[in-house]
Amino acid sequence: MATLPQITLKFNRQIKLSNDGGSLSSNTGEFIYREFDEKIGFTKTIMKHLHLNDKSLYHLYSNENLIRQKIYQMIAGYAVDDAADHLTNDPVFTKVVGTDTLTSQPSLSRLYTRFDNGSVGHLNDANQELLDKAHEYRESKALIIDLDSTHSDTFGDQESVAYNTHYGTVGFHPLVAFDGMTGDFLKAKLRPGNVYTSNGVRDFVEPIIKHYNEKFPETTPFIRGDSGFAVPELYDLCEAESVYYVIRLKSNAILQRLADKYQPSTAPTDISQAEYYFDETEYQAKSWSKPRKITIQSVRPAGELFFTHSFYVTNLIDAFTPNTIVRTYQKRGTMENYIKEAKNGFYLDKMDSHSFQVNEIKMMLSLLAYNLTNWLRTLCFPEGQKTMQIETIRTRIIKVASKLVKSGRSFYFKLSSSFVYQDFF
């Protein structure tokens, strides 16, 4: 471990800095996560479903210890495995993980070699069981499945990397699904960088739909997606499984002519005000098996002569007005915040392994770290703090300094007397 020599500050030479303070930690808030972990059976559920290819007869650190250490390091903001070398004797982390010392970076990195082709499915099964617990606790009556794809940067000649024309760079193109009401991370799938947005979307979302229809028949699923998911196979699946959907369509000449028929061709009476119109009609593309309901939003911006049109295909019944359908779709914008939180806060896009499988495992562990935080935040935080992002959570309750004092039977972690957020903690 690197040692900070004693440093004297020039503005006040009486102040000396060094890192030989003893049993101190700056990660005391990890105890809150560990307590919540036990309450919902988070790590136990993961290990119940996860079957690793591990033939070792003796373990200094169990696979459960390693999984917990990796996830908790990400929650604390330590993105790379190298952080383990500096946290070896951290008094909080050792108690949270349940070992005398933390494992080193090489041992932590070797964990990924024990995963096989079925491991992603195991982690998805564990995540689904935990999602079900949260769903039952919330007594949710609706499930909004927001679909999207994102980009993950890569480095060097990694397996299955490719150039993505939309993002204009080389990397992977993961497919993700969130619950638009709760922010829960429902599922993720890593894909090569050159696949189209909707590639494999039916196989991706069908297990989610079938699971909720069977386990929670009183819950009404609803799917939202941008124009990249405007494919007949997704419409057919939703209609067969009685799932509502609103999906944006790409504009074409036929849709433009349909929209133009509904709007006035005269100049606006007040050019300082934007005009909004909402209409609905039926439309059948060549690849569709039948006509479907189309909602049209037409907007003439202030000072403009012509309208711009947006189109949405939906199976929502007549009780929903065109205006309501468009507003419902627009709420999908919150998903961009969920993706940003998963990437910036939990390193979902940190694809630094040559192996495609290892990168997908890392993505799944990021998903689980995100969900543990989201469940803690939405189920346990006071009302005013339920929307906190991970960086704020780290500042207020994770990155909290404490000193370990041992007695005959107990370990006392003494927090600062001037801790600003102690009431929230």
Foldseek 3Di string as FASTA:
>chain_A
DDWDPWDADPVHRVDIDTDPPPQKAQFQLVVVLLVVCVVLVQLVLLVVLADWQDPDPDDLADLSLLLQLQLSCLLLPNQALQVLVVQQCRPNSCVSSVHNGGDHSVVSVCSLVRDDPCRLVSLLVSLVVSVVVLCVVVVAQEWEKEKWKDWFDEDDQAPLWDADPVVRGIGWIKIWIAGLVQLATNDIDIHYRHDQIQVCVCVVCVVVLVVCCVPPVSHAYEYEYEQSNPDQVVVVSCVVSVHKYKYWHDDDPVVVVVVVVVDDQDFDPALQAKDKDKDKDWDDDPNHPDIFIKIKIWIAHRNHNGIDIIIITIDDDPVAGSVNSVVVNVSSVCVVVSVCLLCVSRVLNPQYDSYPSSNSVSNSSSSSSSNSVSCCLCVPAPPVRSPDGSVVCSVQRGSFMWGWDDDPPDTDTHGDPVRPNVVRD
